[in-house]
Amino acid sequence: MLQQPSQQFAASELWMRINRDYISDPEKVSLDNFRRDSISDRISMWNVKRNAIRYFKTMLYNEAELLTEDELRLLDCIPNRSLGNPFSVRVRGRDICIDYLRSLRELLFIRKSTNLDAIHSVLEIGAGFGRTCHALLSTTPNIQKYIIVDLPGCLGIAARYLKSVLGGQNFDKLVFITNAELASRSVLTHDLTIDIDSTAEMDEVVARNYLSFINQNASWFYCNNPIGKFSVKLIKATNVDPNAVAMALRLGLLRESLDIFDDADVARRVPDFLTAYCPGQDWDAVSHEGARPWSYYHQAMYRHTARQEPVSRPNPSTRSHD
């Protein structure tokens, strides 16, 4: 039996409420800004602030779905990725978080940009909690020494994390050096230096000191950093510490402001990035590209042209404390 005409296509109670509370008089709705105010949140999209995790995980899910089966198998070689309870999505039977999605893509870029099998020693500047070290040591058995240079507190977190996620043999390859201790090491030769999101948050003179150190001690340099600064107004950030923002804008080698969501503005900053992070005149950028998922990050692999072979090959049977 058919419903009465007035009820046949009746609105749900939810949508009756939306129409009553938000658009009872559509002629009074200004079209100038309605796609950013509460009306659009109710009739078109989810509120960005209240649904931040939904949007973040949607981005993460879409990025993870782009991974090939070969790339996912490489990710499988990195064990114990869930320590710390990260936000994750599940794609083709794997739990994937943003940290190890980034680590996987960094690993893939390094592999295609250099002969990673010939890399036996690595020095990472500012390793955070250790995700890059975890990824490299889990997938690259020929690396026999991995040096992490960082602030004392960060080193403590990284040491605890890596001891938990790495096997004993790989953990024994680690050497932890504070930034203060590095100042007394004029010679600390190694094959590959890694800088991910580190020198961009240093005073310019300190960042240049690190580049000088790389120039003197390494054969390869992998850099993954922002190509500039941006205003917090661009991302509608709230509850931010204005003093911390002011400090961040003064740090790093690239301090020019840009629209991080304008591909033309991003692209025009790439040459400056490649020049700024080149360790010296005997270095070439052999490969570079954007560092997804962040629009304003770029990655590059530099090679010291005068060093045809890696500069050090530690004996696998001994642990170096250099």
Protein backbone atom coordinates (compact mmCIF):
# COMPACT_ATOMS: atom_id res chain seq x y z
CA MET A 1 0.00 0.00 0.00
CA LEU A 2 1.41 3.38 -1.00
CA GLN A 3 2.12 6.02 1.61
CA GLN A 4 0.22 9.25 1.56
CA PRO A 5 1.83 11.72 -0.92
CA SER A 6 2.98 14.01 1.90
CA GLN A 7 4.90 11.15 3.52
CA GLN A 8 6.10 9.21 0.48
CA PHE A 9 9.39 11.12 0.24
CA ALA A 10 9.41 12.65 3.68
CA ALA A 11 12.59 14.02 5.21
CA SER A 12 14.15 12.15 8.11
CA GLU A 13 13.98 13.61 11.58
CA LEU A 14 17.67 14.55 11.29
CA TRP A 15 17.19 16.52 8.09
CA MET A 16 14.02 18.16 9.34
CA ARG A 17 16.11 19.42 12.24
CA ILE A 18 18.91 20.66 9.93
CA ASN A 19 16.44 22.54 7.75
CA ARG A 20 14.73 24.05 10.78
CA ASP A 21 17.91 25.08 12.64
CA TYR A 22 20.18 26.17 9.76
CA ILE A 23 18.24 27.05 6.63
CA SER A 24 14.69 27.82 7.66
CA ASP A 25 14.96 30.99 5.55
CA PRO A 26 17.35 30.26 2.63
CA GLU A 27 17.01 33.80 1.26
CA LYS A 28 18.78 35.12 4.33
CA VAL A 29 21.79 32.87 3.82
CA SER A 30 24.75 34.85 2.48
CA LEU A 31 26.53 33.04 -0.33
CA ASP A 32 29.79 34.87 0.35
CA ASN A 33 31.09 32.51 3.05
CA PHE A 34 28.53 29.75 3.49
CA ARG A 35 30.94 27.02 2.37
CA ARG A 36 33.11 27.73 5.41
CA ASP A 37 30.46 28.27 8.05
CA SER A 38 28.15 25.95 9.93
CA ILE A 39 25.63 25.70 7.08
CA SER A 40 28.01 23.92 4.72
CA ASP A 41 29.13 21.69 7.59
CA ARG A 42 25.56 20.45 7.86
CA ILE A 43 24.43 20.21 4.24
CA SER A 44 27.60 19.44 2.30
CA MET A 45 30.71 18.30 4.20
CA TRP A 46 32.04 17.38 7.62
CA ASN A 47 33.28 20.13 9.90
CA VAL A 48 37.04 20.25 9.41
CA LYS A 49 37.93 21.07 13.01
CA ARG A 50 35.64 18.50 14.59
CA ASN A 51 36.56 15.84 12.02
CA ALA A 52 40.32 16.41 11.84
CA ILE A 53 41.14 12.74 12.53
CA ARG A 54 38.62 11.64 9.89
CA TYR A 55 40.31 13.85 7.29
CA PHE A 56 43.82 12.84 8.39
CA LYS A 57 43.03 9.14 8.22
CA THR A 58 41.30 9.60 4.86
CA MET A 59 44.46 11.19 3.49
CA LEU A 60 46.55 8.41 5.02
CA TYR A 61 44.25 5.72 3.62
CA ASN A 62 44.37 7.19 0.11
CA GLU A 63 48.16 7.46 0.23
CA ALA A 64 48.54 3.89 1.51
CA GLU A 65 46.28 2.56 -1.24
CA LEU A 66 48.77 3.86 -3.81
CA LEU A 67 51.46 1.45 -2.56
CA THR A 68 52.29 -1.45 -4.84
CA GLU A 69 52.49 -5.04 -3.64
CA ASP A 70 56.29 -4.92 -3.87
CA GLU A 71 56.34 -1.78 -1.74
CA LEU A 72 54.02 -3.35 0.81
CA ARG A 73 56.27 -6.41 1.01
CA LEU A 74 59.18 -4.09 1.75
CA LEU A 75 57.10 -2.47 4.48
CA ASP A 76 56.47 -5.96 5.90
CA CYS A 77 60.24 -6.27 6.45
CA ILE A 78 60.03 -3.53 9.12
CA PRO A 79 58.70 -5.24 12.26
CA ASN A 80 57.04 -3.78 15.36
CA ARG A 81 55.66 -0.66 13.70
CA SER A 82 52.76 -0.15 16.12
CA LEU A 83 54.73 0.74 19.25
CA GLY A 84 53.46 4.10 20.49
CA ASN A 85 49.84 3.57 19.40
CA PRO A 86 49.91 5.68 16.19
CA PHE A 87 46.84 6.61 14.16
CA SER A 88 46.69 3.89 11.50
CA VAL A 89 44.60 2.61 8.61
CA ARG A 90 44.34 -0.94 7.35
CA VAL A 91 45.17 -1.56 3.70
CA ARG A 92 45.52 -5.03 2.17
CA GLY A 93 45.95 -6.64 5.54
CA ARG A 94 48.53 -4.18 6.91
CA ASP A 95 48.22 -1.54 9.59
CA ILE A 96 49.89 1.55 8.14
CA CYS A 97 50.69 4.78 10.00
CA ILE A 98 52.00 8.05 8.61
CA ASP A 99 55.46 7.60 10.16
CA TYR A 100 56.25 4.34 8.40
CA LEU A 101 54.49 5.36 5.21
CA ARG A 102 56.99 8.22 5.09
CA SER A 103 59.86 5.92 6.07
CA LEU A 104 58.95 3.52 3.29
CA ARG A 105 58.89 6.26 0.67
CA GLU A 106 62.17 7.67 1.94
CA LEU A 107 63.70 4.20 1.75
CA LEU A 108 62.42 3.74 -1.80
CA PHE A 109 63.86 7.10 -2.85
CA ILE A 110 67.25 6.32 -1.28
CA ARG A 111 67.31 2.92 -2.99
CA LYS A 112 66.68 4.35 -6.43
CA SER A 113 69.09 7.26 -5.94
CA THR A 114 72.16 5.34 -4.79
CA ASN A 115 73.54 1.84 -4.54
CA LEU A 116 72.29 1.16 -1.04
CA ASP A 117 74.06 -2.23 -1.03
CA ALA A 118 77.36 -0.31 -1.03
CA ILE A 119 76.37 1.74 2.02
CA HIS A 120 77.95 0.36 5.19
CA SER A 121 77.76 3.31 7.57
CA VAL A 122 75.09 5.95 8.12
CA LEU A 123 74.90 9.09 10.22
CA GLU A 124 71.48 10.60 10.85
CA ILE A 125 71.07 14.14 12.10
CA GLY A 126 68.07 14.43 14.41
CA ALA A 127 66.45 11.00 14.22
CA GLY A 128 63.32 11.81 16.20
CA PHE A 129 62.10 8.57 17.80
CA GLY A 130 64.09 6.51 15.29
CA ARG A 131 61.66 5.50 12.53
CA THR A 132 64.18 6.00 9.67
CA CYS A 133 66.89 4.06 11.49
CA HIS A 134 64.37 1.28 12.21
CA ALA A 135 63.39 1.09 8.52
CA LEU A 136 66.93 1.12 7.16
CA LEU A 137 68.44 -1.40 9.55
CA SER A 138 65.47 -3.76 9.13
CA THR A 139 65.80 -3.82 5.35
CA THR A 140 69.50 -3.22 4.66
CA PRO A 141 71.69 -5.86 6.34
CA ASN A 142 74.93 -4.49 4.86
CA ILE A 143 74.70 -1.40 7.09
CA GLN A 144 77.10 -2.17 9.91
CA LYS A 145 77.15 1.15 11.77
CA TYR A 146 74.35 3.66 12.29
CA ILE A 147 75.23 6.87 14.12
CA ILE A 148 72.48 9.09 15.50
CA VAL A 149 73.31 12.68 16.42
CA ASP A 150 70.66 14.50 18.43
CA LEU A 151 69.81 16.39 21.60
CA PRO A 152 70.18 14.33 24.79
CA GLY A 153 66.45 14.01 25.47
CA CYS A 154 65.68 12.91 21.93
CA LEU A 155 68.53 10.41 22.04
CA GLY A 156 67.01 8.89 25.16
CA ILE A 157 63.64 8.36 23.47
CA ALA A 158 65.25 6.97 20.31
CA ALA A 159 67.43 4.56 22.28
CA ARG A 160 64.46 3.17 24.20
CA TYR A 161 62.29 2.90 21.10
CA LEU A 162 64.94 1.27 18.93
CA LYS A 163 65.89 -1.20 21.63
CA SER A 164 62.24 -2.29 21.71
CA VAL A 165 61.67 -2.61 17.96
CA LEU A 166 65.05 -3.78 16.66
CA GLY A 167 66.64 -7.17 17.10
CA GLY A 168 69.71 -7.27 19.32
CA GLN A 169 72.12 -7.60 16.40
CA ASN A 170 70.76 -4.48 14.71
CA PHE A 171 70.60 -2.51 17.94
CA ASP A 172 74.28 -3.28 18.49
CA LYS A 173 75.05 -1.37 15.29
CA LEU A 174 73.86 1.89 16.85
CA VAL A 175 76.10 4.69 18.10
CA PHE A 176 74.46 7.60 19.92
CA ILE A 177 76.23 10.98 19.94
CA THR A 178 74.89 14.21 21.40
CA ASN A 179 75.10 17.41 19.39
CA ALA A 180 77.59 18.72 21.96
CA GLU A 181 79.81 15.65 21.54
CA LEU A 182 79.77 16.04 17.77
CA ALA A 183 81.50 19.39 18.10
CA SER A 184 84.66 17.58 19.23
CA ARG A 185 84.55 15.08 16.35
CA SER A 186 86.20 16.82 13.41
CA VAL A 187 86.52 13.43 11.67
CA LEU A 188 83.63 10.98 11.72
CA THR A 189 83.70 9.42 8.27
CA HIS A 190 80.66 7.54 7.03
CA ASP A 191 79.02 6.68 3.72
CA LEU A 192 75.60 8.33 3.94
CA THR A 193 74.30 11.28 5.96
CA ILE A 194 70.54 11.59 6.50
CA ASP A 195 68.75 14.81 7.42
CA ILE A 196 64.96 14.57 7.67
CA ASP A 197 63.18 17.55 9.15
CA SER A 198 66.18 18.59 11.22
CA THR A 199 68.30 21.42 9.82
CA ALA A 200 65.13 23.34 8.92
CA GLU A 201 64.58 23.77 12.67
CA MET A 202 68.09 24.96 13.51
CA ASP A 203 69.67 28.39 13.59
CA GLU A 204 71.10 29.08 10.14
CA VAL A 205 74.71 29.09 11.33
CA VAL A 206 74.24 25.69 12.99
CA ALA A 207 72.63 24.25 9.87
CA ARG A 208 75.58 25.46 7.81
CA ASN A 209 77.98 23.88 10.30
CA TYR A 210 76.25 20.54 9.75
CA LEU A 211 76.56 20.95 5.96
CA SER A 212 80.27 21.65 6.39
CA PHE A 213 80.58 18.53 8.54
CA ILE A 214 78.82 16.49 5.83
CA ASN A 215 81.11 17.93 3.17
CA GLN A 216 84.17 16.74 5.10
CA ASN A 217 82.93 13.32 6.26
CA ALA A 218 80.40 11.75 3.87
CA SER A 219 80.06 10.50 0.30
CA TRP A 220 76.26 10.72 0.04
CA PHE A 221 73.72 13.07 1.60
CA TYR A 222 69.97 12.47 1.74
CA CYS A 223 67.95 15.56 2.62
CA ASN A 224 64.18 15.76 3.23
CA ASN A 225 63.02 19.15 4.46
CA PRO A 226 60.49 21.94 3.87
CA ILE A 227 61.18 24.31 0.99
CA GLY A 228 60.12 27.36 2.99
CA LYS A 229 57.87 28.76 5.67
CA PHE A 230 54.14 29.45 5.75
CA SER A 231 51.73 31.47 7.83
CA VAL A 232 49.59 29.66 10.39
CA LYS A 233 46.70 31.68 8.97
CA LEU A 234 46.98 29.59 5.81
CA ILE A 235 45.98 26.45 7.71
CA LYS A 236 43.61 28.23 10.09
CA ALA A 237 45.66 27.03 13.05
CA THR A 238 44.20 27.77 16.48
CA ASN A 239 45.59 27.61 20.00
CA VAL A 240 49.13 28.12 18.77
CA ASP A 241 51.95 29.61 20.80
CA PRO A 242 52.84 32.87 18.97
CA ASN A 243 56.35 32.85 20.46
CA ALA A 244 56.99 29.31 19.18
CA VAL A 245 55.68 30.30 15.74
CA ALA A 246 57.94 33.37 15.65
CA MET A 247 60.95 31.23 16.57
CA ALA A 248 60.12 28.63 13.91
CA LEU A 249 59.90 31.30 11.22
CA ARG A 250 63.44 32.48 12.06
CA LEU A 251 65.04 29.02 11.79
CA GLY A 252 66.54 27.07 8.92
CA LEU A 253 68.15 27.87 5.59
CA LEU A 254 64.92 28.62 3.69
CA ARG A 255 62.79 31.22 5.44
CA GLU A 256 60.81 32.75 2.58
CA SER A 257 57.07 32.40 3.02
CA LEU A 258 55.03 30.55 0.40
CA ASP A 259 51.57 29.17 -0.29
CA ILE A 260 52.12 25.49 0.45
CA PHE A 261 48.90 24.61 -1.37
CA ASP A 262 49.85 26.29 -4.67
CA ASP A 263 51.81 23.90 -6.89
CA ALA A 264 53.37 26.74 -8.91
CA ASP A 265 54.58 28.49 -5.76
CA VAL A 266 55.98 25.21 -4.45
CA ALA A 267 57.72 24.37 -7.74
CA ARG A 268 59.49 27.72 -8.02
CA ARG A 269 61.17 27.19 -4.64
CA VAL A 270 62.80 23.87 -5.60
CA PRO A 271 65.98 25.37 -7.18
CA ASP A 272 66.60 27.35 -3.98
CA PHE A 273 66.16 24.16 -1.96
CA LEU A 274 68.69 22.25 -4.06
CA THR A 275 71.22 25.07 -3.77
CA ALA A 276 70.71 25.66 -0.04
CA TYR A 277 71.23 22.04 0.98
CA CYS A 278 74.19 21.26 -1.27
CA PRO A 279 77.05 20.50 1.18
CA GLY A 280 79.82 21.93 -1.01
CA GLN A 281 81.15 22.67 -4.47
CA ASP A 282 82.15 19.04 -5.09
CA TRP A 283 78.60 17.79 -4.63
CA ASP A 284 75.82 17.16 -7.16
CA ALA A 285 72.12 16.51 -6.65
CA VAL A 286 71.77 13.21 -8.48
CA SER A 287 68.03 12.88 -7.80
CA HIS A 288 65.25 14.93 -6.27
CA GLU A 289 61.44 15.02 -6.03
CA GLY A 290 58.58 16.08 -3.80
CA ALA A 291 58.21 14.22 -0.51
CA ARG A 292 54.59 13.15 -0.25
CA PRO A 293 52.21 13.44 1.44
CA TRP A 294 53.26 16.95 2.48
CA SER A 295 53.03 19.42 -0.38
CA TYR A 296 55.91 21.65 0.72
CA TYR A 297 58.51 19.01 1.53
CA HIS A 298 61.21 18.09 -0.97
CA GLN A 299 63.82 15.33 -0.93
CA ALA A 300 67.17 15.14 -2.67
CA MET A 301 70.16 12.83 -2.85
CA TYR A 302 73.53 14.54 -3.19
CA ARG A 303 76.77 12.79 -4.15
CA HIS A 304 80.31 13.91 -3.46
CA THR A 305 81.75 13.83 -6.98
CA ALA A 306 85.35 13.37 -5.86
CA ARG A 307 84.55 10.24 -3.86
CA GLN A 308 83.74 7.48 -6.30
CA GLU A 309 83.34 4.86 -3.57
CA PRO A 310 81.88 5.00 -0.05
CA VAL A 311 84.40 6.41 2.38
CA SER A 312 84.22 3.69 5.05
CA ARG A 313 83.60 -0.02 5.27
CA PRO A 314 83.45 -1.16 8.89
CA ASN A 315 84.29 -4.73 9.73
CA PRO A 316 80.94 -6.54 10.19
CA SER A 317 82.37 -8.60 13.01
CA THR A 318 83.13 -5.64 15.25
CA ARG A 319 81.10 -2.76 16.59
CA SER A 320 82.64 0.65 16.04
CA HIS A 321 82.29 3.36 18.68
CA ASP A 322 83.77 6.14 16.54
